[in-house]
Protein backbone atom coordinates (compact mmCIF):
# COMPACT_ATOMS: atom_id res chain seq x y z
CA MET A 1 -20.27 -15.80 12.10
CA ARG A 2 -17.69 -16.68 9.45
CA ASP A 3 -17.04 -20.28 8.53
CA ARG A 4 -13.52 -21.73 8.37
CA ALA A 5 -13.31 -21.46 4.56
CA ASP A 6 -14.19 -17.76 4.75
CA ILE A 7 -11.57 -17.16 7.44
CA GLU A 8 -8.85 -18.93 5.44
CA ARG A 9 -9.76 -17.05 2.23
CA ILE A 10 -9.65 -13.66 3.97
CA ALA A 11 -6.43 -14.47 5.85
CA ALA A 12 -4.59 -15.36 2.62
CA SER A 13 -5.83 -12.54 0.43
CA PRO A 14 -3.99 -9.25 -0.13
CA PHE A 15 -7.30 -7.46 0.52
CA GLY A 16 -7.66 -9.16 3.91
CA ILE A 17 -4.12 -8.11 4.82
CA HIS A 18 -4.79 -4.56 3.59
CA GLU A 19 -7.94 -4.46 5.73
CA ALA A 20 -6.00 -5.59 8.83
CA LEU A 21 -3.18 -3.10 8.12
CA HIS A 22 -5.65 -0.25 7.78
CA THR A 23 -7.49 -1.19 10.98
CA ALA A 24 -4.21 -1.54 12.90
CA SER A 25 -3.12 1.90 11.68
CA VAL A 26 -6.39 3.57 12.66
CA LEU A 27 -6.42 1.97 16.12
CA MET A 28 -2.76 2.78 16.72
CA ASP A 29 -3.31 6.45 15.83
CA CYS A 30 -6.51 6.69 17.84
CA PHE A 31 -5.04 5.02 20.93
CA GLY A 32 -1.90 7.15 20.77
CA GLU A 33 -3.74 10.44 20.27
CA ARG A 34 -6.79 9.84 22.45
CA VAL A 35 -5.40 7.74 25.28
CA VAL A 36 -1.60 7.96 25.53
CA GLU A 37 -1.54 11.73 25.02
CA HIS A 38 -4.57 12.39 27.25
CA PRO A 39 -3.47 14.50 30.25
CA ALA A 40 -4.81 11.89 32.69
CA VAL A 41 -2.33 9.44 31.15
CA SER A 42 0.53 11.65 29.98
CA GLU A 43 0.91 13.24 33.42
CA ARG A 44 1.36 9.84 35.08
CA PRO A 45 4.69 8.47 33.85
CA HIS A 46 4.05 4.86 34.88
CA ILE A 47 0.71 4.78 33.02
CA HIS A 48 2.08 6.75 30.06
CA ALA A 49 4.91 4.22 29.71
CA LEU A 50 2.34 1.40 29.51
CA GLY A 51 0.47 3.29 26.78
CA VAL A 52 3.67 3.82 24.82
CA LYS A 53 4.42 0.08 25.08
CA ALA A 54 0.93 -0.67 23.77
CA VAL A 55 1.45 1.58 20.74
CA GLU A 56 4.85 -0.03 20.13
CA ALA A 57 3.23 -3.49 20.24
CA MET A 58 0.56 -2.31 17.79
CA MET A 59 3.32 -1.06 15.49
CA GLU A 60 4.99 -4.48 15.63
CA VAL A 61 1.73 -6.11 14.55
CA TYR A 62 1.37 -3.55 11.74
CA GLN A 63 4.93 -4.15 10.53
CA ALA A 64 4.57 -7.95 10.73
CA LEU A 65 1.44 -7.77 8.58
CA GLY A 66 3.30 -5.61 6.06
CA ARG A 67 6.08 -8.20 5.79
CA LEU A 68 3.71 -11.08 4.94
CA PRO A 69 4.62 -12.60 1.57
CA GLU A 70 1.02 -12.37 0.38
CA TRP A 71 1.20 -8.60 0.88
CA SER A 72 4.78 -7.85 -0.16
CA GLU A 73 4.45 -9.82 -3.42
CA LYS A 74 1.52 -7.65 -4.43
């Protein structure tokens, strides 16, 4: 388990932000390709719409991370 100092150091570092951006990107792609586009989901409009909303929310997280000053000043 990480201690508070470790968490704060990682949260403020460009590498920590890069790591979170990369993970968000991988999960977004995987969820979109493997879940949202799966026939069991894509053929059920109400479930597919929920999956699309989830990917959109993931994209918002990704974009918010990319706008952090610690990352954009890199």
